[in-house]
Protein backbone atom coordinates (compact mmCIF):
# COMPACT_ATOMS: atom_id res chain seq x y z
CA MET A 1 -3.06 226.51 220.57
CA MET A 2 -5.17 224.10 221.94
CA ASN A 3 -7.18 224.25 219.20
CA THR A 4 -4.56 223.93 216.40
CA SER A 5 -2.49 221.31 218.10
CA TYR A 6 -5.43 218.84 218.15
CA ALA A 7 -6.76 219.54 214.98
CA THR A 8 -3.24 219.17 213.85
CA LEU A 9 -2.59 216.19 215.47
CA ARG A 10 -5.53 214.44 214.56
CA ALA A 11 -5.07 214.70 211.11
CA ALA A 12 -1.60 214.24 210.58
CA PHE A 13 -1.82 211.16 213.38
CA VAL A 14 -4.52 209.57 213.28
CA ALA A 15 -3.38 206.86 215.75
CA GLY A 16 -1.03 207.85 218.06
CA VAL A 17 0.21 204.89 219.12
CA CYS A 18 0.61 202.40 216.18
CA GLY A 19 -1.23 199.75 217.55
CA LEU A 20 -1.18 195.78 216.16
CA ILE A 21 -4.17 197.18 214.76
CA VAL A 22 -3.46 200.52 214.25
CA LEU A 23 -3.90 201.88 210.36
CA THR A 24 -0.79 200.84 208.80
CA ALA A 25 0.01 204.60 207.87
CA CYS A 26 1.90 204.55 211.33
CA ASN A 27 4.31 201.86 209.66
CA ASN A 28 4.70 202.05 206.04
CA GLY A 29 2.28 205.12 205.09
CA SER A 30 -0.35 202.68 203.91
CA SER A 31 -3.82 203.35 205.02
CA ASN A 32 -5.33 199.52 204.90
CA ALA A 33 -6.08 198.61 207.82
CA GLY A 34 -7.04 194.86 207.07
CA LYS A 35 -3.36 194.00 205.95
CA THR A 36 -1.81 194.79 209.09
CA ASP A 37 -0.43 192.56 212.13
CA SER A 38 -3.90 192.33 213.35
CA ALA A 39 -4.68 189.33 210.76
CA LYS A 40 -1.99 187.55 212.21
CA THR A 41 -3.18 187.94 216.09
CA ALA A 42 -6.48 187.41 215.01
CA ALA A 43 -5.26 184.28 214.15
CA LYS A 44 -2.96 183.38 216.71
CA ALA A 45 -4.43 184.52 219.55
CA LYS A 46 -7.95 183.34 220.84
CA ASP A 47 -10.78 185.11 221.94
CA THR A 48 -10.40 183.90 225.46
CA ILE A 49 -7.68 183.40 227.58
CA PRO A 50 -5.64 180.18 228.17
CA GLY A 51 -3.80 178.71 231.08
CA ALA A 52 -2.30 179.69 234.14
CA ALA A 53 -0.06 181.34 234.75
CA THR A 54 3.39 180.23 236.52
CA ASP A 55 4.82 181.21 238.55
CA THR A 56 7.44 184.39 238.65
CA THR A 57 9.44 185.70 241.40
CA PRO A 58 8.62 189.66 241.77
CA ALA A 59 11.69 191.66 240.44
CA GLN A 60 11.53 194.42 242.61
CA ALA A 61 12.02 194.60 245.67
CA ILE A 62 9.34 196.05 248.14
CA THR A 63 10.33 199.25 250.87
CA THR A 64 8.81 198.80 254.02
CA GLY A 65 7.97 201.42 256.55
CA PRO A 66 6.33 204.83 256.32
CA VAL A 67 6.25 206.74 253.05
CA ASP A 68 9.31 209.53 253.73
CA THR A 69 6.95 212.69 253.75
CA ALA A 70 9.94 215.19 253.67
CA LEU A 71 11.58 213.47 250.46
CA TYR A 72 7.88 213.00 248.71
CA ASN A 73 7.24 216.69 248.91
CA LYS A 74 11.00 217.83 247.57
CA LEU A 75 11.17 215.08 244.93
CA ILE A 76 7.60 216.70 243.61
CA LYS A 77 8.28 219.88 243.76
CA HIS A 78 11.33 219.18 241.36
CA LEU A 79 9.33 217.41 239.14
CA ALA A 80 7.09 220.20 238.64
CA ASN A 81 10.03 222.16 237.76
CA GLY A 82 9.61 225.35 238.71
CA ASP A 83 5.89 225.63 237.26
CA SER A 84 4.66 228.66 238.56
CA SER A 85 0.85 228.39 237.50
CA GLY A 86 -0.94 226.81 240.71
CA LYS A 87 -1.39 223.82 238.61
CA TRP A 88 1.72 221.21 239.94
CA PRO A 89 2.35 220.02 242.37
CA VAL A 90 -0.70 217.78 242.59
CA LYS A 91 -2.60 217.77 246.36
CA THR A 92 -3.13 214.34 246.88
CA ALA A 93 -2.74 212.66 250.35
CA TYR A 94 0.64 210.63 250.87
CA PRO A 95 0.92 207.62 249.07
CA ASN A 96 1.35 203.88 251.03
CA SER A 97 4.42 201.88 251.56
CA GLY A 98 6.32 200.79 249.01
CA ALA A 99 5.18 203.64 246.47
CA ILE A 100 7.81 203.97 243.62
CA LEU A 101 6.30 206.94 242.08
CA PRO A 102 7.91 210.07 243.45
CA PHE A 103 11.70 208.12 244.42
CA LYS A 104 12.02 206.50 241.73
CA ARG A 105 11.66 207.41 237.43
CA ILE A 106 10.56 204.76 235.12
CA VAL A 107 11.79 204.00 231.80
CA ALA A 108 9.78 201.49 229.83
CA TYR A 109 9.81 199.16 226.78
CA TYR A 110 6.42 198.97 224.82
CA GLY A 111 5.27 196.35 222.82
CA ASN A 112 3.83 193.10 221.99
CA LEU A 113 5.51 189.74 221.49
CA TYR A 114 3.30 188.90 218.40
CA SER A 115 4.50 192.20 215.89
CA LYS A 116 7.11 193.61 215.43
CA ARG A 117 5.83 196.89 214.35
CA MET A 118 4.33 197.54 217.87
CA GLY A 119 7.36 198.47 219.36
CA VAL A 120 10.52 197.69 220.43
CA LEU A 121 9.56 195.08 223.06
CA GLY A 122 8.63 192.71 220.29
CA GLU A 123 10.99 194.00 217.27
CA TYR A 124 14.50 192.77 218.85
CA PRO A 125 15.43 189.07 220.53
CA PRO A 126 15.12 189.62 224.20
CA GLU A 127 18.87 190.06 224.81
CA GLU A 128 18.74 192.88 222.06
CA MET A 129 16.47 194.36 223.76
CA SER A 130 17.33 194.34 227.53
CA ARG A 131 20.64 196.16 226.54
CA MET A 132 19.36 198.32 224.84
CA LEU A 133 16.97 199.05 227.94
CA LYS A 134 19.23 199.37 230.25
CA ALA A 135 21.81 201.90 227.91
CA GLU A 136 17.95 204.47 227.91
CA VAL A 137 18.36 203.43 231.48
CA LYS A 138 21.63 204.72 232.15
CA LYS A 139 21.00 207.82 229.94
CA TRP A 140 17.79 208.76 231.75
CA GLN A 141 20.10 208.36 235.08
CA ALA A 142 22.07 210.76 233.49
CA ALA A 143 20.38 213.23 232.66
CA ASP A 144 18.78 213.80 236.68
CA THR A 145 20.74 211.77 239.10
CA SER A 146 18.00 213.04 242.00
CA ILE A 147 15.72 210.36 240.68
CA PRO A 148 16.68 206.59 240.66
CA VAL A 149 15.76 205.63 237.59
CA ILE A 150 14.15 201.58 236.59
CA PRO A 151 13.13 199.57 234.14
CA ALA A 152 9.91 197.90 232.62
CA LEU A 153 8.14 196.45 230.54
CA HIS A 154 5.04 197.68 229.14
CA TYR A 155 3.37 194.52 227.55
CA ILE A 156 0.51 195.05 225.20
CA ALA A 157 -2.42 191.77 226.55
CA VAL A 158 -5.07 192.97 225.16
CA THR A 159 -4.98 194.36 221.82
CA ALA A 160 -7.62 195.90 219.41
CA GLN A 161 -8.11 194.48 215.88
CA GLY A 162 -9.61 194.98 212.44
CA SER A 163 -11.32 191.78 212.44
CA ALA A 164 -14.57 191.41 215.06
CA GLY A 165 -13.33 188.28 216.50
CA LYS A 166 -16.24 185.59 217.70
CA ASP A 167 -18.09 187.92 220.15
CA GLY A 168 -17.63 191.51 217.41
CA LYS A 169 -15.28 193.36 220.51
CA TYR A 170 -12.80 193.89 218.13
CA ARG A 171 -9.81 192.80 220.80
CA ALA A 172 -7.76 189.92 221.31
CA ARG A 173 -6.42 189.08 224.24
CA MET A 174 -2.48 187.43 224.45
CA PRO A 175 -1.77 184.22 225.86
CA PHE A 176 -0.75 183.67 229.33
CA LYS A 177 1.72 181.95 228.69
CA HIS A 178 3.35 185.25 226.38
CA ILE A 179 2.44 186.87 229.92
CA ASP A 180 5.00 184.46 232.03
CA SER A 181 7.53 184.90 229.41
CA ILE A 182 7.41 189.09 229.51
CA LEU A 183 7.17 188.35 233.36
CA HIS A 184 10.53 186.18 232.60
CA MET A 185 12.18 189.03 231.06
CA ALA A 186 11.86 191.76 233.30
CA ALA A 187 13.10 189.61 235.89
CA ARG A 188 16.46 188.64 234.37
CA ILE A 189 17.08 192.95 234.09
CA ASN A 190 15.27 193.34 238.09
CA ALA A 191 11.86 195.06 235.81
CA LEU A 192 8.83 196.52 236.41
CA VAL A 193 6.02 194.73 233.98
CA PHE A 194 3.12 196.67 233.21
CA LEU A 195 -0.08 195.21 231.17
CA ASP A 196 -1.57 197.11 228.45
CA ILE A 197 -5.35 196.64 227.76
CA GLN A 198 -7.05 198.05 224.13
CA VAL A 199 -10.36 197.48 225.03
CA GLY A 200 -11.85 197.98 221.32
CA PHE A 201 -15.86 197.68 221.74
CA SER A 202 -15.82 195.47 224.89
CA ASN A 203 -14.68 197.91 228.52
CA VAL A 204 -12.53 197.71 231.62
CA GLU A 205 -15.05 195.92 233.47
CA SER A 206 -14.66 192.82 231.28
CA GLU A 207 -10.95 192.84 230.45
CA VAL A 208 -9.09 193.80 233.54
CA PRO A 209 -10.61 191.63 236.31
CA LEU A 210 -8.67 188.12 233.32
CA LEU A 211 -5.62 189.99 234.71
CA GLU A 212 -5.37 189.72 237.91
CA LYS A 213 -3.43 186.66 239.02
CA TYR A 214 -0.75 189.43 237.62
CA LEU A 215 -2.22 192.56 238.98
CA SER A 216 -2.30 190.52 242.51
CA MET A 217 1.74 190.12 242.21
CA PRO A 218 3.46 193.07 243.55
CA ASN A 219 6.36 194.35 240.19
CA VAL A 220 2.66 193.90 237.97
CA HIS A 221 0.95 197.31 237.27
CA LEU A 222 -1.72 198.56 234.72
CA GLY A 223 -1.91 200.54 231.48
CA ILE A 224 -5.50 201.61 229.77
CA ASP A 225 -5.08 202.68 226.00
CA ALA A 226 -8.06 205.25 225.00
CA GLU A 227 -7.13 205.66 222.16
CA PHE A 228 -8.62 202.01 221.53
CA ALA A 229 -11.91 202.44 223.42
CA MET A 230 -14.62 202.70 220.85
CA LYS A 231 -17.56 203.22 221.61
CA PRO A 232 -20.61 202.74 218.97
CA GLY A 233 -20.27 204.34 214.91
CA MET A 234 -16.76 204.08 215.95
CA ARG A 235 -14.22 201.87 213.93
CA VAL A 236 -11.14 200.56 215.42
CA GLY A 237 -8.02 202.37 213.41
CA LYS A 238 -10.45 204.78 211.85
CA ASN A 239 -11.51 207.22 215.09
CA VAL A 240 -9.86 207.98 217.72
CA GLY A 241 -11.02 206.22 220.89
CA THR A 242 -12.62 207.51 224.62
CA PHE A 243 -12.71 206.65 228.30
CA ASP A 244 -14.15 208.74 231.44
CA ALA A 245 -13.16 209.46 234.58
CA ALA A 246 -15.55 206.78 235.38
CA ASP A 247 -13.18 204.42 233.42
CA VAL A 248 -10.09 205.40 235.29
CA ASN A 249 -12.02 205.11 238.96
CA TRP A 250 -13.38 201.56 238.07
CA CYS A 251 -9.51 201.10 237.11
CA SER A 252 -8.47 202.48 240.26
CA GLU A 253 -11.11 201.03 242.93
CA TYR A 254 -10.01 197.87 241.20
CA LEU A 255 -6.75 197.96 241.55
CA ALA A 256 -6.84 199.32 245.54
CA LYS A 257 -8.87 196.20 246.37
CA LEU A 258 -6.27 194.27 245.14
CA VAL A 259 -3.51 196.11 246.86
CA LYS A 260 -5.77 195.72 250.03
CA ALA A 261 -6.37 191.64 249.34
CA HIS A 262 -3.10 190.65 249.32
CA ASN A 263 -1.10 193.65 250.92
CA LEU A 264 0.71 195.26 247.79
CA PRO A 265 2.83 197.96 247.65
CA PRO A 266 0.69 201.14 245.34
CA LYS A 267 -0.35 199.73 242.32
CA VAL A 268 1.42 202.63 239.26
CA PHE A 269 -1.50 203.08 236.64
CA VAL A 270 -0.60 204.76 233.23
CA VAL A 271 -3.60 206.17 230.91
CA HIS A 272 -2.43 206.75 227.65
CA ARG A 273 -4.16 210.27 226.18
CA TRP A 274 -3.15 212.12 223.40
CA THR A 275 -5.85 213.99 222.61
CA GLN A 276 -8.79 216.32 224.80
CA LYS A 277 -11.28 213.50 224.66
CA MET A 278 -9.82 210.82 225.16
CA ILE A 279 -10.07 211.59 228.60
CA THR A 280 -13.34 212.95 229.37
CA ASN A 281 -13.95 214.79 233.04
CA TYR A 282 -10.70 214.92 234.40
CA LYS A 283 -12.12 216.18 237.03
CA ASN A 284 -13.62 213.80 238.33
CA ILE A 285 -10.94 210.98 238.48
CA ARG A 286 -10.21 210.28 242.25
CA THR A 287 -6.51 209.79 243.72
CA ARG A 288 -6.22 206.94 246.26
CA PRO A 289 -3.08 206.73 248.59
CA ASP A 290 -3.09 202.46 246.86
CA VAL A 291 -3.21 203.87 243.68
CA GLN A 292 -0.23 206.18 241.93
CA ILE A 293 -1.94 207.58 238.55
CA VAL A 294 0.44 208.62 235.36
CA MET A 295 -1.10 210.94 232.64
CA ASP A 296 1.30 210.35 229.28
CA MET A 297 1.54 211.93 226.53
CA ASP A 298 1.89 209.10 223.94
CA GLY A 299 1.30 211.02 220.33
CA TRP A 300 4.38 211.29 218.02
CA GLY A 301 5.56 213.47 216.14
CA PRO A 302 7.58 216.70 215.68
CA GLN A 303 9.04 217.98 218.90
CA GLN A 304 6.89 221.00 218.75
CA LEU A 305 3.78 218.96 218.41
CA LYS A 306 4.68 216.27 220.98
CA MET A 307 5.27 219.42 223.80
CA ASP A 308 2.34 221.66 222.70
CA THR A 309 0.17 218.62 223.02
CA TYR A 310 1.56 218.02 226.30
CA ARG A 311 1.35 220.88 227.52
CA ASN A 312 -2.47 220.95 226.12
CA TYR A 313 -3.58 217.97 228.23
CA GLU A 314 -1.34 216.74 230.20
CA TRP A 315 -0.38 219.91 232.16
CA ALA A 316 -3.42 221.67 231.98
CA GLN A 317 -5.37 219.01 232.86
CA PRO A 318 -3.32 217.86 237.01
CA VAL A 319 -4.21 214.66 237.81
CA GLN A 320 -1.45 213.13 239.56
CA PHE A 321 1.58 212.29 237.46
CA THR A 322 2.67 212.48 233.78
CA GLY A 323 4.24 210.26 231.45
CA PHE A 324 6.17 211.05 228.38
CA LYS A 325 6.57 208.27 224.87
CA LEU A 326 9.02 208.58 222.52
CA PHE A 327 8.64 206.49 218.92
CA TYR A 328 12.54 205.67 217.55
CA LYS A 329 10.87 205.73 214.19
CA ASN A 330 7.78 207.81 214.23
CA ASP A 331 9.58 210.90 215.84
CA VAL A 332 11.31 211.63 213.10
CA LYS A 333 9.27 210.80 209.78
CA THR A 334 9.56 213.80 207.96
CA LEU A 335 4.93 214.45 208.04
CA ALA A 336 4.13 216.42 204.68
CA LYS A 337 0.68 218.07 206.16
CA VAL A 338 2.44 219.34 209.51
CA LYS A 339 3.88 222.60 208.93
CA PHE A 340 6.08 221.63 211.57
CA ALA A 341 10.00 220.93 209.95
CA ALA A 342 10.90 217.19 210.03
CA THR A 343 12.61 216.48 214.02
CA THR A 344 15.22 214.70 215.44
CA MET A 345 13.72 211.92 218.82
CA MET A 346 13.47 214.09 221.84
CA SER A 347 16.56 213.82 224.36
CA PRO A 348 16.39 212.29 228.21
CA LYS A 349 17.70 216.67 228.38
CA GLN A 350 14.12 218.00 226.35
CA VAL A 351 11.65 215.85 228.15
CA LEU A 352 12.80 216.44 231.52
CA ALA A 353 12.66 219.81 230.71
CA LEU A 354 9.24 219.58 230.34
CA LYS A 355 6.48 220.80 233.32
CA PRO A 356 5.59 219.29 235.45
CA SER A 357 9.23 216.99 234.33
CA PRO A 358 7.79 213.48 233.01
CA ILE A 359 8.08 210.84 235.63
CA TYR A 360 7.73 207.92 233.43
CA ILE A 361 9.63 207.26 230.22
CA GLN A 362 7.91 204.67 227.76
CA TYR A 363 9.67 203.70 224.48
CA GLN A 364 8.01 202.37 221.44
């Protein structure tokens, strides 16, 4: 099943996230990457991050006191959803005080302010987007009343792009003023913020520290997208990239240092994945009490294909927690080359029936 699902997914979905620089096949059936929103981004977003961030009040109140280990155990068993394989729940150390997971489920809207094609976060005006997100939060809360649901804005702060840029890294860093805008949007609905990184031909060691002033805030968390982690011989928008466990460990160690230095609650760290090769040596990924790792299945397509992919890469290769991505547009496309019939977007009830149940949900 794994090889069949991978081959089908790789052939049909070229790019699971449908990012700013990804083939416009993700948007309109074309495969001309040079004519996507990346050209606009390259013109608007300089190759360096300008300016200093404005002060922003943290949106989420921080829980104090020791972790309720009895409740933690109960909830991770609940998330395992009756799995009898022995893989779930994953056995790790208890998180430090203030941990979000598994005490709350996160429902996030994803996107970029330069593009209406990257997700709902940039597609709709802030007020409309916020109303939509709050409505989704209510649906998820109704689907599982045992875990409180909180909203999040997942912003692509570094986007891979089709043009090389001044330093040849094929990525564009978003201006700080956009991140500030996201923080203010989040504050109005008491939401978390995730900053997502698509490194192109750069690397996490170069990109993550540039966002330190934001990641040092208690309500700001991190995401990295292996799809756009290019290696020699690859081409952005034509090849699916890869991160190794070493990249994941570097990021989690960096976050753990920030947590200790600033006396923060544990960081949530989302790692996007929808193929076998996107994350190599997963058994070497280290978990830490200061960082909560979510392996997020973000491929799009018919329901059965999404469920197969989730089982093959998230269930079969456990790290800590899991996430699941839903696409308002791409999940309902009819794909001629795929054996599965046309589909509807999976409902909260359907997603929660997966083993394990995802604790992080993202909409594009």
